[in-house]
Amino acid sequence: MSTYHEVRRLAENLTPDEQMRLIEELFSLIHQRVTLAPKPKRSILELRGLGKEIWNGMDAQDYVNQERDSWNG
């Protein structure tokens, strides 16, 4: 019998109050593990190329010129 099934069988024999206490303690344990787990470092380079299809066929200098012209009203 697997450990999971054995634990589940044992939990079924607990009173409802004991089952709720077990759930609360397991939730707390899991929450601590997830909260304390090291998060992978991210790099700004992951954004490279994001949205490049928006600029497809557009001349960069024309775009900059249009933006600057819009500042002057």
PDB file of N, CA and C in Angstrom:
ATOM      1  N   MET A   1       0.861  -1.181   0.000  1.00  0.00           N
ATOM      2  CA  MET A   1       0.000   0.000   0.000  1.00  0.00           C
ATOM      3  C   MET A   1       0.900   1.235   0.000  1.00  0.00           C
ATOM      4  N   SER A   2       0.545   2.233  -0.821  1.00  0.00           N
ATOM      5  CA  SER A   2       1.346   3.452  -0.884  1.00  0.00           C
ATOM      6  C   SER A   2       1.158   4.280   0.377  1.00  0.00           C
ATOM      7  N   THR A   3       2.121   5.128   0.638  1.00  0.00           N
ATOM      8  CA  THR A   3       2.056   5.989   1.818  1.00  0.00           C
ATOM      9  C   THR A   3       0.822   6.874   1.765  1.00  0.00           C
ATOM     10  N   TYR A   4       0.532   7.423   0.579  1.00  0.00           N
ATOM     11  CA  TYR A   4      -0.640   8.286   0.431  1.00  0.00           C
ATOM     12  C   TYR A   4      -1.915   7.556   0.853  1.00  0.00           C
ATOM     13  N   HIS A   5      -2.109   6.360   0.318  1.00  0.00           N
ATOM     14  CA  HIS A   5      -3.333   5.611   0.624  1.00  0.00           C
ATOM     15  C   HIS A   5      -3.392   5.239   2.099  1.00  0.00           C
ATOM     16  N   GLU A   6      -2.249   4.935   2.674  1.00  0.00           N
ATOM     17  CA  GLU A   6      -2.224   4.606   4.097  1.00  0.00           C
ATOM     18  C   GLU A   6      -2.610   5.816   4.940  1.00  0.00           C
ATOM     19  N   VAL A   7      -2.068   6.957   4.607  1.00  0.00           N
ATOM     20  CA  VAL A   7      -2.388   8.184   5.343  1.00  0.00           C
ATOM     21  C   VAL A   7      -3.865   8.529   5.151  1.00  0.00           C
ATOM     22  N   ARG A   8      -4.342   8.383   3.929  1.00  0.00           N
ATOM     23  CA  ARG A   8      -5.761   8.679   3.671  1.00  0.00           C
ATOM     24  C   ARG A   8      -6.660   7.765   4.494  1.00  0.00           C
ATOM     25  N   ARG A   9      -6.315   6.480   4.555  1.00  0.00           N
ATOM     26  CA  ARG A   9      -7.107   5.527   5.340  1.00  0.00           C
ATOM     27  C   ARG A   9      -7.106   5.928   6.809  1.00  0.00           C
ATOM     28  N   LEU A  10      -5.943   6.326   7.323  1.00  0.00           N
ATOM     29  CA  LEU A  10      -5.851   6.757   8.721  1.00  0.00           C
ATOM     30  C   LEU A  10      -6.672   8.025   8.950  1.00  0.00           C
ATOM     31  N   ALA A  11      -6.623   8.966   7.985  1.00  0.00           N
ATOM     32  CA  ALA A  11      -7.363  10.214   8.132  1.00  0.00           C
ATOM     33  C   ALA A  11      -8.871   9.971   8.149  1.00  0.00           C
ATOM     34  N   GLU A  12      -9.318   8.977   7.397  1.00  0.00           N
ATOM     35  CA  GLU A  12     -10.752   8.667   7.375  1.00  0.00           C
ATOM     36  C   GLU A  12     -11.242   8.181   8.734  1.00  0.00           C
ATOM     37  N   ASN A  13     -10.341   7.657   9.538  1.00  0.00           N
ATOM     38  CA  ASN A  13     -10.718   7.154  10.860  1.00  0.00           C
ATOM     39  C   ASN A  13     -10.703   8.244  11.930  1.00  0.00           C
ATOM     40  N   LEU A  14     -10.263   9.445  11.576  1.00  0.00           N
ATOM     41  CA  LEU A  14     -10.258  10.557  12.528  1.00  0.00           C
ATOM     42  C   LEU A  14     -11.654  11.134  12.670  1.00  0.00           C
ATOM     43  N   THR A  15     -11.878  11.812  13.766  1.00  0.00           N
ATOM     44  CA  THR A  15     -13.146  12.517  13.936  1.00  0.00           C
ATOM     45  C   THR A  15     -13.151  13.727  12.989  1.00  0.00           C
ATOM     46  N   PRO A  16     -14.323  14.262  12.697  1.00  0.00           N
ATOM     47  CA  PRO A  16     -14.364  15.451  11.841  1.00  0.00           C
ATOM     48  C   PRO A  16     -13.493  16.603  12.375  1.00  0.00           C
ATOM     49  N   ASP A  17     -13.491  16.804  13.677  1.00  0.00           N
ATOM     50  CA  ASP A  17     -12.651  17.857  14.257  1.00  0.00           C
ATOM     51  C   ASP A  17     -11.168  17.565  14.026  1.00  0.00           C
ATOM     52  N   GLU A  18     -10.772  16.320  14.174  1.00  0.00           N
ATOM     53  CA  GLU A  18      -9.381  15.951  13.941  1.00  0.00           C
ATOM     54  C   GLU A  18      -9.015  16.095  12.458  1.00  0.00           C
ATOM     55  N   GLN A  19      -9.957  15.746  11.598  1.00  0.00           N
ATOM     56  CA  GLN A  19      -9.717  15.909  10.167  1.00  0.00           C
ATOM     57  C   GLN A  19      -9.517  17.380   9.809  1.00  0.00           C
ATOM     58  N   MET A  20     -10.349  18.259  10.371  1.00  0.00           N
ATOM     59  CA  MET A  20     -10.202  19.692  10.115  1.00  0.00           C
ATOM     60  C   MET A  20      -8.866  20.204  10.641  1.00  0.00           C
ATOM     61  N   ARG A  21      -8.462  19.739  11.819  1.00  0.00           N
ATOM     62  CA  ARG A  21      -7.174  20.140  12.383  1.00  0.00           C
ATOM     63  C   ARG A  21      -6.036  19.675  11.466  1.00  0.00           C
ATOM     64  N   LEU A  22      -6.137  18.464  10.961  1.00  0.00           N
ATOM     65  CA  LEU A  22      -5.122  17.928  10.050  1.00  0.00           C
ATOM     66  C   LEU A  22      -5.052  18.764   8.771  1.00  0.00           C
ATOM     67  N   ILE A  23      -6.211  19.103   8.219  1.00  0.00           N
ATOM     68  CA  ILE A  23      -6.255  19.928   7.006  1.00  0.00           C
ATOM     69  C   ILE A  23      -5.595  21.275   7.260  1.00  0.00           C
ATOM     70  N   GLU A  24      -5.918  21.895   8.376  1.00  0.00           N
ATOM     71  CA  GLU A  24      -5.342  23.202   8.701  1.00  0.00           C
ATOM     72  C   GLU A  24      -3.824  23.113   8.843  1.00  0.00           C
ATOM     73  N   GLU A  25      -3.344  22.067   9.506  1.00  0.00           N
ATOM     74  CA  GLU A  25      -1.910  21.918   9.706  1.00  0.00           C
ATOM     75  C   GLU A  25      -1.193  21.598   8.395  1.00  0.00           C
ATOM     76  N   LEU A  26      -1.810  20.774   7.544  1.00  0.00           N
ATOM     77  CA  LEU A  26      -1.217  20.484   6.240  1.00  0.00           C
ATOM     78  C   LEU A  26      -1.183  21.736   5.365  1.00  0.00           C
ATOM     79  N   PHE A  27      -2.253  22.517   5.401  1.00  0.00           N
ATOM     80  CA  PHE A  27      -2.291  23.759   4.632  1.00  0.00           C
ATOM     81  C   PHE A  27      -1.175  24.694   5.090  1.00  0.00           C
ATOM     82  N   SER A  28      -1.015  24.831   6.393  1.00  0.00           N
ATOM     83  CA  SER A  28       0.028  25.691   6.936  1.00  0.00           C
ATOM     84  C   SER A  28       1.412  25.211   6.508  1.00  0.00           C
ATOM     85  N   LEU A  29       1.648  23.915   6.563  1.00  0.00           N
ATOM     86  CA  LEU A  29       2.926  23.340   6.167  1.00  0.00           C
ATOM     87  C   LEU A  29       3.213  23.609   4.689  1.00  0.00           C
ATOM     88  N   ILE A  30       2.222  23.380   3.846  1.00  0.00           N
ATOM     89  CA  ILE A  30       2.390  23.599   2.409  1.00  0.00           C
ATOM     90  C   ILE A  30       2.600  25.085   2.122  1.00  0.00           C
ATOM     91  N   HIS A  31       1.839  25.932   2.781  1.00  0.00           N
ATOM     92  CA  HIS A  31       1.967  27.375   2.577  1.00  0.00           C
ATOM     93  C   HIS A  31       3.370  27.854   2.931  1.00  0.00           C
ATOM     94  N   GLN A  32       3.928  27.355   4.024  1.00  0.00           N
ATOM     95  CA  GLN A  32       5.286  27.728   4.418  1.00  0.00           C
ATOM     96  C   GLN A  32       6.296  27.275   3.367  1.00  0.00           C
ATOM     97  N   ARG A  33       6.136  26.075   2.860  1.00  0.00           N
ATOM     98  CA  ARG A  33       7.075  25.565   1.848  1.00  0.00           C
ATOM     99  C   ARG A  33       7.024  26.397   0.581  1.00  0.00           C
ATOM    100  N   VAL A  34       5.832  26.752   0.152  1.00  0.00           N
ATOM    101  CA  VAL A  34       5.673  27.533  -1.072  1.00  0.00           C
ATOM    102  C   VAL A  34       6.208  28.944  -0.863  1.00  0.00           C
ATOM    103  N   THR A  35       5.923  29.539   0.282  1.00  0.00           N
ATOM    104  CA  THR A  35       6.351  30.902   0.568  1.00  0.00           C
ATOM    105  C   THR A  35       7.864  30.994   0.700  1.00  0.00           C
ATOM    106  N   LEU A  36       8.470  29.999   1.309  1.00  0.00           N
ATOM    107  CA  LEU A  36       9.908  30.034   1.559  1.00  0.00           C
ATOM    108  C   LEU A  36      10.731  29.463   0.414  1.00  0.00           C
ATOM    109  N   ALA A  37      10.074  28.858  -0.551  1.00  0.00           N
ATOM    110  CA  ALA A  37      10.809  28.254  -1.667  1.00  0.00           C
ATOM    111  C   ALA A  37      11.515  29.342  -2.467  1.00  0.00           C
ATOM    112  N   PRO A  38      12.752  29.099  -2.847  1.00  0.00           N
ATOM    113  CA  PRO A  38      13.457  30.119  -3.630  1.00  0.00           C
ATOM    114  C   PRO A  38      12.783  30.308  -4.985  1.00  0.00           C
ATOM    115  N   LYS A  39      12.590  31.553  -5.322  1.00  0.00           N
ATOM    116  CA  LYS A  39      11.958  31.867  -6.597  1.00  0.00           C
ATOM    117  C   LYS A  39      13.051  31.973  -7.662  1.00  0.00           C
ATOM    118  N   PRO A  40      12.777  31.471  -8.841  1.00  0.00           N
ATOM    119  CA  PRO A  40      13.797  31.547  -9.889  1.00  0.00           C
ATOM    120  C   PRO A  40      14.083  32.999 -10.242  1.00  0.00           C
ATOM    121  N   LYS A  41      15.360  33.291 -10.473  1.00  0.00           N
ATOM    122  CA  LYS A  41      15.730  34.644 -10.872  1.00  0.00           C
ATOM    123  C   LYS A  41      15.275  34.879 -12.302  1.00  0.00           C
ATOM    124  N   ARG A  42      14.795  36.076 -12.545  1.00  0.00           N
ATOM    125  CA  ARG A  42      14.323  36.434 -13.875  1.00  0.00           C
ATOM    126  C   ARG A  42      15.307  37.417 -14.484  1.00  0.00           C
ATOM    127  N   SER A  43      15.320  37.458 -15.782  1.00  0.00           N
ATOM    128  CA  SER A  43      16.208  38.355 -16.502  1.00  0.00           C
ATOM    129  C   SER A  43      15.392  39.248 -17.423  1.00  0.00           C
ATOM    130  N   ILE A  44      15.798  40.505 -17.503  1.00  0.00           N
ATOM    131  CA  ILE A  44      15.132  41.430 -18.410  1.00  0.00           C
ATOM    132  C   ILE A  44      15.260  40.948 -19.851  1.00  0.00           C
ATOM    133  N   LEU A  45      16.265  40.146 -20.106  1.00  0.00           N
ATOM    134  CA  LEU A  45      16.474  39.636 -21.463  1.00  0.00           C
ATOM    135  C   LEU A  45      15.360  38.690 -21.908  1.00  0.00           C
ATOM    136  N   GLU A  46      14.578  38.178 -20.962  1.00  0.00           N
ATOM    137  CA  GLU A  46      13.445  37.315 -21.312  1.00  0.00           C
ATOM    138  C   GLU A  46      12.395  38.078 -22.119  1.00  0.00           C
ATOM    139  N   LEU A  47      12.414  39.405 -22.022  1.00  0.00           N
ATOM    140  CA  LEU A  47      11.441  40.222 -22.736  1.00  0.00           C
ATOM    141  C   LEU A  47      11.884  40.540 -24.161  1.00  0.00           C
ATOM    142  N   ARG A  48      13.094  40.139 -24.507  1.00  0.00           N
ATOM    143  CA  ARG A  48      13.624  40.448 -25.832  1.00  0.00           C
ATOM    144  C   ARG A  48      12.698  39.890 -26.923  1.00  0.00           C
ATOM    145  N   GLY A  49      12.337  40.759 -27.841  1.00  0.00           N
ATOM    146  CA  GLY A  49      11.494  40.358 -28.960  1.00  0.00           C
ATOM    147  C   GLY A  49      10.008  40.374 -28.667  1.00  0.00           C
ATOM    148  N   LEU A  50       9.627  40.636 -27.434  1.00  0.00           N
ATOM    149  CA  LEU A  50       8.215  40.646 -27.072  1.00  0.00           C
ATOM    150  C   LEU A  50       7.495  41.777 -27.801  1.00  0.00           C
ATOM    151  N   GLY A  51       6.470  41.485 -28.521  1.00  0.00           N
ATOM    152  CA  GLY A  51       5.687  42.473 -29.243  1.00  0.00           C
ATOM    153  C   GLY A  51       6.313  42.949 -30.541  1.00  0.00           C
ATOM    154  N   LYS A  52       7.308  42.231 -31.018  1.00  0.00           N
ATOM    155  CA  LYS A  52       8.001  42.698 -32.230  1.00  0.00           C
ATOM    156  C   LYS A  52       7.075  42.746 -33.441  1.00  0.00           C
ATOM    157  N   GLU A  53       6.019  41.966 -33.442  1.00  0.00           N
ATOM    158  CA  GLU A  53       5.094  41.968 -34.580  1.00  0.00           C
ATOM    159  C   GLU A  53       4.383  43.317 -34.713  1.00  0.00           C
ATOM    160  N   ILE A  54       4.291  44.069 -33.630  1.00  0.00           N
ATOM    161  CA  ILE A  54       3.644  45.383 -33.666  1.00  0.00           C
ATOM    162  C   ILE A  54       4.442  46.341 -34.548  1.00  0.00           C
ATOM    163  N   TRP A  55       5.751  46.194 -34.522  1.00  0.00           N
ATOM    164  CA  TRP A  55       6.635  47.109 -35.237  1.00  0.00           C
ATOM    165  C   TRP A  55       6.989  46.614 -36.634  1.00  0.00           C
ATOM    166  N   ASN A  56       6.481  45.481 -37.036  1.00  0.00           N
ATOM    167  CA  ASN A  56       6.810  44.911 -38.332  1.00  0.00           C
ATOM    168  C   ASN A  56       6.427  45.875 -39.458  1.00  0.00           C
ATOM    169  N   GLY A  57       7.393  46.239 -40.292  1.00  0.00           N
ATOM    170  CA  GLY A  57       7.142  47.105 -41.427  1.00  0.00           C
ATOM    171  C   GLY A  57       7.121  48.586 -41.099  1.00  0.00           C
ATOM    172  N   MET A  58       7.362  48.951 -39.839  1.00  0.00           N
ATOM    173  CA  MET A  58       7.343  50.352 -39.450  1.00  0.00           C
ATOM    174  C   MET A  58       8.778  50.878 -39.362  1.00  0.00           C
ATOM    175  N   ASP A  59       9.006  52.037 -39.928  1.00  0.00           N
ATOM    176  CA  ASP A  59      10.323  52.650 -39.853  1.00  0.00           C
ATOM    177  C   ASP A  59      10.465  53.315 -38.485  1.00  0.00           C
ATOM    178  N   ALA A  60      11.525  52.988 -37.781  1.00  0.00           N
ATOM    179  CA  ALA A  60      11.723  53.493 -36.424  1.00  0.00           C
ATOM    180  C   ALA A  60      11.821  55.011 -36.400  1.00  0.00           C
ATOM    181  N   GLN A  61      12.544  55.589 -37.326  1.00  0.00           N
ATOM    182  CA  GLN A  61      12.708  57.049 -37.326  1.00  0.00           C
ATOM    183  C   GLN A  61      11.389  57.749 -37.622  1.00  0.00           C
ATOM    184  N   ASP A  62      10.587  57.194 -38.540  1.00  0.00           N
ATOM    185  CA  ASP A  62       9.266  57.772 -38.816  1.00  0.00           C
ATOM    186  C   ASP A  62       8.404  57.744 -37.560  1.00  0.00           C
ATOM    187  N   TYR A  63       8.458  56.655 -36.836  1.00  0.00           N
ATOM    188  CA  TYR A  63       7.675  56.540 -35.601  1.00  0.00           C
ATOM    189  C   TYR A  63       8.105  57.596 -34.589  1.00  0.00           C
ATOM    190  N   VAL A  64       9.413  57.738 -34.400  1.00  0.00           N
ATOM    191  CA  VAL A  64       9.932  58.723 -33.439  1.00  0.00           C
ATOM    192  C   VAL A  64       9.517  60.129 -33.859  1.00  0.00           C
ATOM    193  N   ASN A  65       9.622  60.409 -35.135  1.00  0.00           N
ATOM    194  CA  ASN A  65       9.227  61.737 -35.634  1.00  0.00           C
ATOM    195  C   ASN A  65       7.751  62.004 -35.378  1.00  0.00           C
ATOM    196  N   GLN A  66       6.904  61.017 -35.618  1.00  0.00           N
ATOM    197  CA  GLN A  66       5.463  61.172 -35.367  1.00  0.00           C
ATOM    198  C   GLN A  66       5.188  61.424 -33.893  1.00  0.00           C
ATOM    199  N   GLU A  67       5.867  60.700 -33.037  1.00  0.00           N
ATOM    200  CA  GLU A  67       5.693  60.897 -31.600  1.00  0.00           C
ATOM    201  C   GLU A  67       6.120  62.292 -31.178  1.00  0.00           C
ATOM    202  N   ARG A  68       7.253  62.741 -31.656  1.00  0.00           N
ATOM    203  CA  ARG A  68       7.739  64.073 -31.303  1.00  0.00           C
ATOM    204  C   ARG A  68       6.783  65.153 -31.813  1.00  0.00           C
ATOM    205  N   ASP A  69       6.268  64.965 -33.022  1.00  0.00           N
ATOM    206  CA  ASP A  69       5.310  65.935 -33.560  1.00  0.00           C
ATOM    207  C   ASP A  69       4.053  66.008 -32.711  1.00  0.00           C
ATOM    208  N   SER A  70       3.622  64.867 -32.132  1.00  0.00           N
ATOM    209  CA  SER A  70       2.401  64.852 -31.317  1.00  0.00           C
ATOM    210  C   SER A  70       2.605  65.592 -30.002  1.00  0.00           C
ATOM    211  N   TRP A  71       3.842  65.738 -29.530  1.00  0.00           N
ATOM    212  CA  TRP A  71       4.106  66.470 -28.296  1.00  0.00           C
ATOM    213  C   TRP A  71       3.839  67.960 -28.456  1.00  0.00           C
ATOM    214  N   ASN A  72       4.007  68.453 -29.665  1.00  0.00           N
ATOM    215  CA  ASN A  72       3.876  69.883 -29.907  1.00  0.00           C
ATOM    216  C   ASN A  72       2.443  70.296 -30.202  1.00  0.00           C
ATOM    217  N   GLY A  73       1.559  69.353 -30.154  1.00  0.00           N
ATOM    218  CA  GLY A  73       0.161  69.652 -30.244  1.00  0.00           C
ATOM    219  C   GLY A  73      -0.425  69.716 -31.581  1.00  0.00           C
TER     220      GLY A  73
END
